[in-house]
Amino acid sequence: MRLALVLMGGGARAAYQAGALKALAELTREVDPDRRTIAFPVVCGTSAGAINAALLAAAMLANSDAQLASRLEQWRERQTGSVVEAPE
C-alpha cells in the first residue's frame, strides 16, 4: 500500500492547505532533520489543490525548503477577488 496526499480544490482551501503543508514540512524535519521531503510518495490534487500539489512536488524535486516556503507564501498575497470571481 502506498501513502498519498490528495489536496482538494477551492481557493480558500488552497490557502489553508499552504499552511498545513508548511506545518507538515516542519514536523517532518523535527522527526528526521536529514529528511528533505515530506512523507508522501504520491501528491496530487484538483483545481487549486493541484497548484499546491505541483508546488510541493517541484520543491521536493529541487530539495529546496526555501522554494517551497516562497511558493506557498504567495497565498498570503492573494485577495479574495483574485481567487474567487464574484458576479456583479
PDB file of N, CA and C in Angstrom:
ATOM      1  N   MET A   1       0.837  -1.168   0.000  1.00  0.00           N
ATOM      2  CA  MET A   1       0.000   0.000   0.000  1.00  0.00           C
ATOM      3  C   MET A   1       0.892   1.245   0.000  1.00  0.00           C
ATOM      4  N   ARG A   2       0.502   2.242  -0.790  1.00  0.00           N
ATOM      5  CA  ARG A   2       1.254   3.497  -0.840  1.00  0.00           C
ATOM      6  C   ARG A   2       0.457   4.600  -0.177  1.00  0.00           C
ATOM      7  N   LEU A   3       1.153   5.508   0.436  1.00  0.00           N
ATOM      8  CA  LEU A   3       0.553   6.647   1.101  1.00  0.00           C
ATOM      9  C   LEU A   3       0.500   7.805   0.112  1.00  0.00           C
ATOM     10  N   ALA A   4      -0.632   8.514   0.071  1.00  0.00           N
ATOM     11  CA  ALA A   4      -0.766   9.638  -0.862  1.00  0.00           C
ATOM     12  C   ALA A   4      -1.348  10.848  -0.144  1.00  0.00           C
ATOM     13  N   LEU A   5      -0.988  12.017  -0.612  1.00  0.00           N
ATOM     14  CA  LEU A   5      -1.571  13.269  -0.146  1.00  0.00           C
ATOM     15  C   LEU A   5      -2.435  13.800  -1.280  1.00  0.00           C
ATOM     16  N   VAL A   6      -3.739  13.925  -1.033  1.00  0.00           N
ATOM     17  CA  VAL A   6      -4.682  14.409  -2.043  1.00  0.00           C
ATOM     18  C   VAL A   6      -5.239  15.739  -1.564  1.00  0.00           C
ATOM     19  N   LEU A   7      -5.032  16.775  -2.349  1.00  0.00           N
ATOM     20  CA  LEU A   7      -5.449  18.130  -1.980  1.00  0.00           C
ATOM     21  C   LEU A   7      -6.687  18.531  -2.777  1.00  0.00           C
ATOM     22  N   MET A   8      -7.727  18.961  -2.072  1.00  0.00           N
ATOM     23  CA  MET A   8      -8.985  19.344  -2.722  1.00  0.00           C
ATOM     24  C   MET A   8      -8.868  20.733  -3.349  1.00  0.00           C
ATOM     25  N   GLY A   9      -9.789  21.000  -4.255  1.00  0.00           N
ATOM     26  CA  GLY A   9      -9.835  22.295  -4.910  1.00  0.00           C
ATOM     27  C   GLY A   9     -10.550  23.334  -4.064  1.00  0.00           C
ATOM     28  N   GLY A  10     -10.515  24.558  -4.543  1.00  0.00           N
ATOM     29  CA  GLY A  10     -11.150  25.677  -3.853  1.00  0.00           C
ATOM     30  C   GLY A  10     -10.098  26.666  -3.398  1.00  0.00           C
ATOM     31  N   GLY A  11     -10.266  27.928  -3.773  1.00  0.00           N
ATOM     32  CA  GLY A  11      -9.257  28.947  -3.464  1.00  0.00           C
ATOM     33  C   GLY A  11      -8.974  29.091  -1.983  1.00  0.00           C
ATOM     34  N   ALA A  12     -10.036  29.151  -1.166  1.00  0.00           N
ATOM     35  CA  ALA A  12      -9.834  29.297   0.281  1.00  0.00           C
ATOM     36  C   ALA A  12      -9.173  28.050   0.856  1.00  0.00           C
ATOM     37  N   ARG A  13      -9.602  26.877   0.415  1.00  0.00           N
ATOM     38  CA  ARG A  13      -8.979  25.636   0.890  1.00  0.00           C
ATOM     39  C   ARG A  13      -7.498  25.613   0.547  1.00  0.00           C
ATOM     40  N   ALA A  14      -7.169  26.043  -0.639  1.00  0.00           N
ATOM     41  CA  ALA A  14      -5.769  26.016  -1.070  1.00  0.00           C
ATOM     42  C   ALA A  14      -4.915  26.912  -0.186  1.00  0.00           C
ATOM     43  N   ALA A  15      -5.467  28.027   0.243  1.00  0.00           N
ATOM     44  CA  ALA A  15      -4.720  28.907   1.144  1.00  0.00           C
ATOM     45  C   ALA A  15      -4.487  28.213   2.486  1.00  0.00           C
ATOM     46  N   TYR A  16      -5.493  27.520   2.994  1.00  0.00           N
ATOM     47  CA  TYR A  16      -5.324  26.764   4.237  1.00  0.00           C
ATOM     48  C   TYR A  16      -4.353  25.599   4.042  1.00  0.00           C
ATOM     49  N   GLN A  17      -4.413  24.965   2.878  1.00  0.00           N
ATOM     50  CA  GLN A  17      -3.505  23.853   2.582  1.00  0.00           C
ATOM     51  C   GLN A  17      -2.056  24.318   2.659  1.00  0.00           C
ATOM     52  N   ALA A  18      -1.807  25.531   2.201  1.00  0.00           N
ATOM     53  CA  ALA A  18      -0.439  26.047   2.209  1.00  0.00           C
ATOM     54  C   ALA A  18       0.115  26.052   3.630  1.00  0.00           C
ATOM     55  N   GLY A  19      -0.682  26.475   4.580  1.00  0.00           N
ATOM     56  CA  GLY A  19      -0.248  26.470   5.970  1.00  0.00           C
ATOM     57  C   GLY A  19      -0.041  25.058   6.495  1.00  0.00           C
ATOM     58  N   ALA A  20      -0.937  24.155   6.121  1.00  0.00           N
ATOM     59  CA  ALA A  20      -0.821  22.757   6.559  1.00  0.00           C
ATOM     60  C   ALA A  20       0.423  22.110   5.960  1.00  0.00           C
ATOM     61  N   LEU A  21       0.720  22.399   4.699  1.00  0.00           N
ATOM     62  CA  LEU A  21       1.915  21.837   4.061  1.00  0.00           C
ATOM     63  C   LEU A  21       3.186  22.348   4.731  1.00  0.00           C
ATOM     64  N   LYS A  22       3.177  23.621   5.086  1.00  0.00           N
ATOM     65  CA  LYS A  22       4.330  24.183   5.785  1.00  0.00           C
ATOM     66  C   LYS A  22       4.522  23.476   7.130  1.00  0.00           C
ATOM     67  N   ALA A  23       3.422  23.253   7.854  1.00  0.00           N
ATOM     68  CA  ALA A  23       3.498  22.562   9.144  1.00  0.00           C
ATOM     69  C   ALA A  23       3.992  21.128   8.971  1.00  0.00           C
ATOM     70  N   LEU A  24       3.510  20.438   7.926  1.00  0.00           N
ATOM     71  CA  LEU A  24       3.976  19.070   7.661  1.00  0.00           C
ATOM     72  C   LEU A  24       5.480  19.040   7.427  1.00  0.00           C
ATOM     73  N   ALA A  25       5.975  20.005   6.660  1.00  0.00           N
ATOM     74  CA  ALA A  25       7.415  20.060   6.387  1.00  0.00           C
ATOM     75  C   ALA A  25       8.197  20.294   7.683  1.00  0.00           C
ATOM     76  N   GLU A  26       7.682  21.180   8.534  1.00  0.00           N
ATOM     77  CA  GLU A  26       8.366  21.457   9.800  1.00  0.00           C
ATOM     78  C   GLU A  26       8.364  20.229  10.711  1.00  0.00           C
ATOM     79  N   LEU A  27       7.223  19.541  10.795  1.00  0.00           N
ATOM     80  CA  LEU A  27       7.135  18.337  11.622  1.00  0.00           C
ATOM     81  C   LEU A  27       8.062  17.236  11.110  1.00  0.00           C
ATOM     82  N   THR A  28       8.128  17.111   9.784  1.00  0.00           N
ATOM     83  CA  THR A  28       8.999  16.101   9.190  1.00  0.00           C
ATOM     84  C   THR A  28      10.446  16.354   9.583  1.00  0.00           C
ATOM     85  N   ARG A  29      10.871  17.624   9.547  1.00  0.00           N
ATOM     86  CA  ARG A  29      12.254  17.960   9.913  1.00  0.00           C
ATOM     87  C   ARG A  29      12.517  17.751  11.399  1.00  0.00           C
ATOM     88  N   GLU A  30      11.497  17.946  12.247  1.00  0.00           N
ATOM     89  CA  GLU A  30      11.675  17.688  13.679  1.00  0.00           C
ATOM     90  C   GLU A  30      11.910  16.207  13.940  1.00  0.00           C
ATOM     91  N   VAL A  31      11.168  15.359  13.239  1.00  0.00           N
ATOM     92  CA  VAL A  31      11.290  13.913  13.420  1.00  0.00           C
ATOM     93  C   VAL A  31      12.599  13.404  12.834  1.00  0.00           C
ATOM     94  N   ASP A  32      12.944  13.883  11.635  1.00  0.00           N
ATOM     95  CA  ASP A  32      14.154  13.437  10.940  1.00  0.00           C
ATOM     96  C   ASP A  32      14.819  14.638  10.277  1.00  0.00           C
ATOM     97  N   PRO A  33      15.745  15.310  10.974  1.00  0.00           N
ATOM     98  CA  PRO A  33      16.363  16.534  10.447  1.00  0.00           C
ATOM     99  C   PRO A  33      17.062  16.369   9.097  1.00  0.00           C
ATOM    100  N   ASP A  34      17.469  15.152   8.761  1.00  0.00           N
ATOM    101  CA  ASP A  34      18.157  14.933   7.487  1.00  0.00           C
ATOM    102  C   ASP A  34      17.201  14.750   6.321  1.00  0.00           C
ATOM    103  N   ARG A  35      15.938  14.522   6.615  1.00  0.00           N
ATOM    104  CA  ARG A  35      14.952  14.303   5.552  1.00  0.00           C
ATOM    105  C   ARG A  35      14.573  15.640   4.941  1.00  0.00           C
ATOM    106  N   ARG A  36      14.582  15.719   3.628  1.00  0.00           N
ATOM    107  CA  ARG A  36      14.301  16.982   2.947  1.00  0.00           C
ATOM    108  C   ARG A  36      12.933  16.994   2.277  1.00  0.00           C
ATOM    109  N   THR A  37      12.160  15.930   2.403  1.00  0.00           N
ATOM    110  CA  THR A  37      10.839  15.881   1.785  1.00  0.00           C
ATOM    111  C   THR A  37       9.818  15.419   2.807  1.00  0.00           C
ATOM    112  N   ILE A  38       8.538  15.676   2.534  1.00  0.00           N
ATOM    113  CA  ILE A  38       7.501  15.158   3.414  1.00  0.00           C
ATOM    114  C   ILE A  38       7.298  13.679   3.113  1.00  0.00           C
ATOM    115  N   ALA A  39       6.518  13.005   3.933  1.00  0.00           N
ATOM    116  CA  ALA A  39       6.436  11.537   3.885  1.00  0.00           C
ATOM    117  C   ALA A  39       5.399  10.998   2.904  1.00  0.00           C
ATOM    118  N   PHE A  40       5.074  11.719   1.866  1.00  0.00           N
ATOM    119  CA  PHE A  40       4.081  11.259   0.901  1.00  0.00           C
ATOM    120  C   PHE A  40       4.746  11.012  -0.452  1.00  0.00           C
ATOM    121  N   PRO A  41       4.828   9.755  -0.880  1.00  0.00           N
ATOM    122  CA  PRO A  41       5.437   9.475  -2.179  1.00  0.00           C
ATOM    123  C   PRO A  41       4.549   9.906  -3.349  1.00  0.00           C
ATOM    124  N   VAL A  42       3.250  10.055  -3.094  1.00  0.00           N
ATOM    125  CA  VAL A  42       2.307  10.481  -4.135  1.00  0.00           C
ATOM    126  C   VAL A  42       1.610  11.746  -3.642  1.00  0.00           C
ATOM    127  N   VAL A  43       1.646  12.795  -4.453  1.00  0.00           N
ATOM    128  CA  VAL A  43       0.992  14.057  -4.131  1.00  0.00           C
ATOM    129  C   VAL A  43       0.156  14.466  -5.341  1.00  0.00           C
ATOM    130  N   CYS A  44      -1.143  14.702  -5.130  1.00  0.00           N
ATOM    131  CA  CYS A  44      -1.992  15.111  -6.243  1.00  0.00           C
ATOM    132  C   CYS A  44      -3.114  16.003  -5.719  1.00  0.00           C
ATOM    133  N   GLY A  45      -3.845  16.618  -6.619  1.00  0.00           N
ATOM    134  CA  GLY A  45      -4.940  17.483  -6.211  1.00  0.00           C
ATOM    135  C   GLY A  45      -5.796  17.876  -7.388  1.00  0.00           C
ATOM    136  N   THR A  46      -6.868  18.583  -7.080  1.00  0.00           N
ATOM    137  CA  THR A  46      -7.747  19.115  -8.124  1.00  0.00           C
ATOM    138  C   THR A  46      -7.811  20.621  -7.984  1.00  0.00           C
ATOM    139  N   SER A  47      -7.920  21.285  -9.124  1.00  0.00           N
ATOM    140  CA  SER A  47      -8.074  22.740  -9.176  1.00  0.00           C
ATOM    141  C   SER A  47      -6.967  23.423  -8.374  1.00  0.00           C
ATOM    142  N   ALA A  48      -7.327  24.273  -7.413  1.00  0.00           N
ATOM    143  CA  ALA A  48      -6.303  24.982  -6.636  1.00  0.00           C
ATOM    144  C   ALA A  48      -5.450  24.021  -5.815  1.00  0.00           C
ATOM    145  N   GLY A  49      -6.014  22.887  -5.418  1.00  0.00           N
ATOM    146  CA  GLY A  49      -5.233  21.869  -4.716  1.00  0.00           C
ATOM    147  C   GLY A  49      -4.147  21.292  -5.606  1.00  0.00           C
ATOM    148  N   ALA A  50      -4.418  21.217  -6.906  1.00  0.00           N
ATOM    149  CA  ALA A  50      -3.408  20.734  -7.853  1.00  0.00           C
ATOM    150  C   ALA A  50      -2.245  21.717  -7.957  1.00  0.00           C
ATOM    151  N   ILE A  51      -2.552  23.007  -7.821  1.00  0.00           N
ATOM    152  CA  ILE A  51      -1.479  24.018  -7.831  1.00  0.00           C
ATOM    153  C   ILE A  51      -0.557  23.775  -6.642  1.00  0.00           C
ATOM    154  N   ASN A  52      -1.136  23.594  -5.464  1.00  0.00           N
ATOM    155  CA  ASN A  52      -0.314  23.325  -4.278  1.00  0.00           C
ATOM    156  C   ASN A  52       0.445  22.012  -4.418  1.00  0.00           C
ATOM    157  N   ALA A  53      -0.199  20.993  -4.976  1.00  0.00           N
ATOM    158  CA  ALA A  53       0.471  19.705  -5.172  1.00  0.00           C
ATOM    159  C   ALA A  53       1.667  19.865  -6.108  1.00  0.00           C
ATOM    160  N   ALA A  54       1.496  20.629  -7.173  1.00  0.00           N
ATOM    161  CA  ALA A  54       2.600  20.851  -8.116  1.00  0.00           C
ATOM    162  C   ALA A  54       3.729  21.639  -7.466  1.00  0.00           C
ATOM    163  N   LEU A  55       3.383  22.654  -6.666  1.00  0.00           N
ATOM    164  CA  LEU A  55       4.410  23.435  -5.974  1.00  0.00           C
ATOM    165  C   LEU A  55       5.186  22.559  -4.998  1.00  0.00           C
ATOM    166  N   LEU A  56       4.464  21.711  -4.285  1.00  0.00           N
ATOM    167  CA  LEU A  56       5.095  20.812  -3.332  1.00  0.00           C
ATOM    168  C   LEU A  56       6.007  19.817  -4.041  1.00  0.00           C
ATOM    169  N   ALA A  57       5.525  19.241  -5.122  1.00  0.00           N
ATOM    170  CA  ALA A  57       6.338  18.283  -5.878  1.00  0.00           C
ATOM    171  C   ALA A  57       7.591  18.944  -6.443  1.00  0.00           C
ATOM    172  N   ALA A  58       7.443  20.155  -6.969  1.00  0.00           N
ATOM    173  CA  ALA A  58       8.607  20.870  -7.524  1.00  0.00           C
ATOM    174  C   ALA A  58       9.640  21.160  -6.441  1.00  0.00           C
ATOM    175  N   ALA A  59       9.174  21.576  -5.281  1.00  0.00           N
ATOM    176  CA  ALA A  59      10.097  21.867  -4.183  1.00  0.00           C
ATOM    177  C   ALA A  59      10.781  20.594  -3.700  1.00  0.00           C
ATOM    178  N   MET A  60      10.041  19.478  -3.672  1.00  0.00           N
ATOM    179  CA  MET A  60      10.654  18.215  -3.257  1.00  0.00           C
ATOM    180  C   MET A  60      11.705  17.775  -4.259  1.00  0.00           C
ATOM    181  N   LEU A  61      11.426  17.933  -5.555  1.00  0.00           N
ATOM    182  CA  LEU A  61      12.414  17.556  -6.575  1.00  0.00           C
ATOM    183  C   LEU A  61      13.649  18.437  -6.491  1.00  0.00           C
ATOM    184  N   ALA A  62      13.438  19.719  -6.213  1.00  0.00           N
ATOM    185  CA  ALA A  62      14.560  20.647  -6.101  1.00  0.00           C
ATOM    186  C   ALA A  62      15.257  20.516  -4.749  1.00  0.00           C
ATOM    187  N   ASN A  63      14.621  19.762  -3.826  1.00  0.00           N
ATOM    188  CA  ASN A  63      15.159  19.593  -2.483  1.00  0.00           C
ATOM    189  C   ASN A  63      15.369  20.947  -1.822  1.00  0.00           C
ATOM    190  N   SER A  64      14.361  21.822  -1.954  1.00  0.00           N
ATOM    191  CA  SER A  64      14.516  23.199  -1.514  1.00  0.00           C
ATOM    192  C   SER A  64      13.388  23.632  -0.584  1.00  0.00           C
ATOM    193  N   ASP A  65      13.696  23.780   0.687  1.00  0.00           N
ATOM    194  CA  ASP A  65      12.725  24.309   1.638  1.00  0.00           C
ATOM    195  C   ASP A  65      12.401  25.759   1.317  1.00  0.00           C
ATOM    196  N   ALA A  66      13.412  26.516   0.901  1.00  0.00           N
ATOM    197  CA  ALA A  66      13.199  27.931   0.596  1.00  0.00           C
ATOM    198  C   ALA A  66      12.236  28.092  -0.573  1.00  0.00           C
ATOM    199  N   GLN A  67      12.370  27.247  -1.586  1.00  0.00           N
ATOM    200  CA  GLN A  67      11.478  27.325  -2.738  1.00  0.00           C
ATOM    201  C   GLN A  67      10.047  27.026  -2.321  1.00  0.00           C
ATOM    202  N   LEU A  68       9.861  25.994  -1.514  1.00  0.00           N
ATOM    203  CA  LEU A  68       8.526  25.648  -1.048  1.00  0.00           C
ATOM    204  C   LEU A  68       7.937  26.784  -0.228  1.00  0.00           C
ATOM    205  N   ALA A  69       8.708  27.327   0.679  1.00  0.00           N
ATOM    206  CA  ALA A  69       8.217  28.411   1.534  1.00  0.00           C
ATOM    207  C   ALA A  69       7.820  29.628   0.717  1.00  0.00           C
ATOM    208  N   SER A  70       8.631  30.000  -0.270  1.00  0.00           N
ATOM    209  CA  SER A  70       8.306  31.188  -1.063  1.00  0.00           C
ATOM    210  C   SER A  70       7.086  30.964  -1.944  1.00  0.00           C
ATOM    211  N   ARG A  71       6.938  29.766  -2.492  1.00  0.00           N
ATOM    212  CA  ARG A  71       5.767  29.477  -3.323  1.00  0.00           C
ATOM    213  C   ARG A  71       4.490  29.479  -2.493  1.00  0.00           C
ATOM    214  N   LEU A  72       4.539  28.825  -1.341  1.00  0.00           N
ATOM    215  CA  LEU A  72       3.350  28.764  -0.501  1.00  0.00           C
ATOM    216  C   LEU A  72       3.024  30.131   0.096  1.00  0.00           C
ATOM    217  N   GLU A  73       4.027  30.950   0.295  1.00  0.00           N
ATOM    218  CA  GLU A  73       3.820  32.298   0.825  1.00  0.00           C
ATOM    219  C   GLU A  73       3.003  33.158  -0.139  1.00  0.00           C
ATOM    220  N   GLN A  74       3.006  32.813  -1.423  1.00  0.00           N
ATOM    221  CA  GLN A  74       2.240  33.581  -2.408  1.00  0.00           C
ATOM    222  C   GLN A  74       0.752  33.596  -2.079  1.00  0.00           C
ATOM    223  N   TRP A  75       0.266  32.569  -1.374  1.00  0.00           N
ATOM    224  CA  TRP A  75      -1.150  32.554  -0.995  1.00  0.00           C
ATOM    225  C   TRP A  75      -1.478  33.691  -0.042  1.00  0.00           C
ATOM    226  N   ARG A  76      -0.514  34.125   0.755  1.00  0.00           N
ATOM    227  CA  ARG A  76      -0.767  35.237   1.683  1.00  0.00           C
ATOM    228  C   ARG A  76      -1.034  36.538   0.935  1.00  0.00           C
ATOM    229  N   GLU A  77      -0.465  36.658  -0.242  1.00  0.00           N
ATOM    230  CA  GLU A  77      -0.599  37.878  -1.026  1.00  0.00           C
ATOM    231  C   GLU A  77      -1.909  37.952  -1.803  1.00  0.00           C
ATOM    232  N   ARG A  78      -2.629  36.858  -1.869  1.00  0.00           N
ATOM    233  CA  ARG A  78      -3.862  36.801  -2.660  1.00  0.00           C
ATOM    234  C   ARG A  78      -5.008  37.499  -1.935  1.00  0.00           C
ATOM    235  N   GLN A  79      -5.794  38.209  -2.704  1.00  0.00           N
ATOM    236  CA  GLN A  79      -7.026  38.817  -2.219  1.00  0.00           C
ATOM    237  C   GLN A  79      -8.182  37.933  -2.659  1.00  0.00           C
ATOM    238  N   THR A  80      -9.287  38.009  -1.965  1.00  0.00           N
ATOM    239  CA  THR A  80     -10.444  37.170  -2.314  1.00  0.00           C
ATOM    240  C   THR A  80     -10.820  37.324  -3.767  1.00  0.00           C
ATOM    241  N   GLY A  81     -10.821  38.531  -4.276  1.00  0.00           N
ATOM    242  CA  GLY A  81     -11.190  38.780  -5.665  1.00  0.00           C
ATOM    243  C   GLY A  81     -10.277  38.140  -6.689  1.00  0.00           C
ATOM    244  N   SER A  82      -9.032  37.874  -6.305  1.00  0.00           N
ATOM    245  CA  SER A  82      -8.119  37.253  -7.250  1.00  0.00           C
ATOM    246  C   SER A  82      -8.217  35.731  -7.234  1.00  0.00           C
ATOM    247  N   VAL A  83      -8.933  35.184  -6.237  1.00  0.00           N
ATOM    248  CA  VAL A  83      -9.115  33.739  -6.149  1.00  0.00           C
ATOM    249  C   VAL A  83     -10.521  33.337  -6.595  1.00  0.00           C
ATOM    250  N   VAL A  84     -11.502  34.117  -6.171  1.00  0.00           N
ATOM    251  CA  VAL A  84     -12.899  33.843  -6.486  1.00  0.00           C
ATOM    252  C   VAL A  84     -13.472  35.026  -7.249  1.00  0.00           C
ATOM    253  N   GLU A  85     -13.992  34.758  -8.403  1.00  0.00           N
ATOM    254  CA  GLU A  85     -14.594  35.838  -9.188  1.00  0.00           C
ATOM    255  C   GLU A  85     -16.082  35.931  -8.829  1.00  0.00           C
ATOM    256  N   ALA A  86     -16.445  37.009  -8.176  1.00  0.00           N
ATOM    257  CA  ALA A  86     -17.831  37.190  -7.736  1.00  0.00           C
ATOM    258  C   ALA A  86     -18.624  37.937  -8.818  1.00  0.00           C
ATOM    259  N   PRO A  87     -19.830  37.463  -9.117  1.00  0.00           N
ATOM    260  CA  PRO A  87     -20.656  38.166 -10.108  1.00  0.00           C
ATOM    261  C   PRO A  87     -21.087  39.523  -9.573  1.00  0.00           C
ATOM    262  N   GLU A  88     -21.234  40.459 -10.494  1.00  0.00           N
ATOM    263  CA  GLU A  88     -21.654  41.812 -10.091  1.00  0.00           C
ATOM    264  C   GLU A  88     -23.137  41.956 -10.085  1.00  0.00           C
TER     265      GLU A  88
END
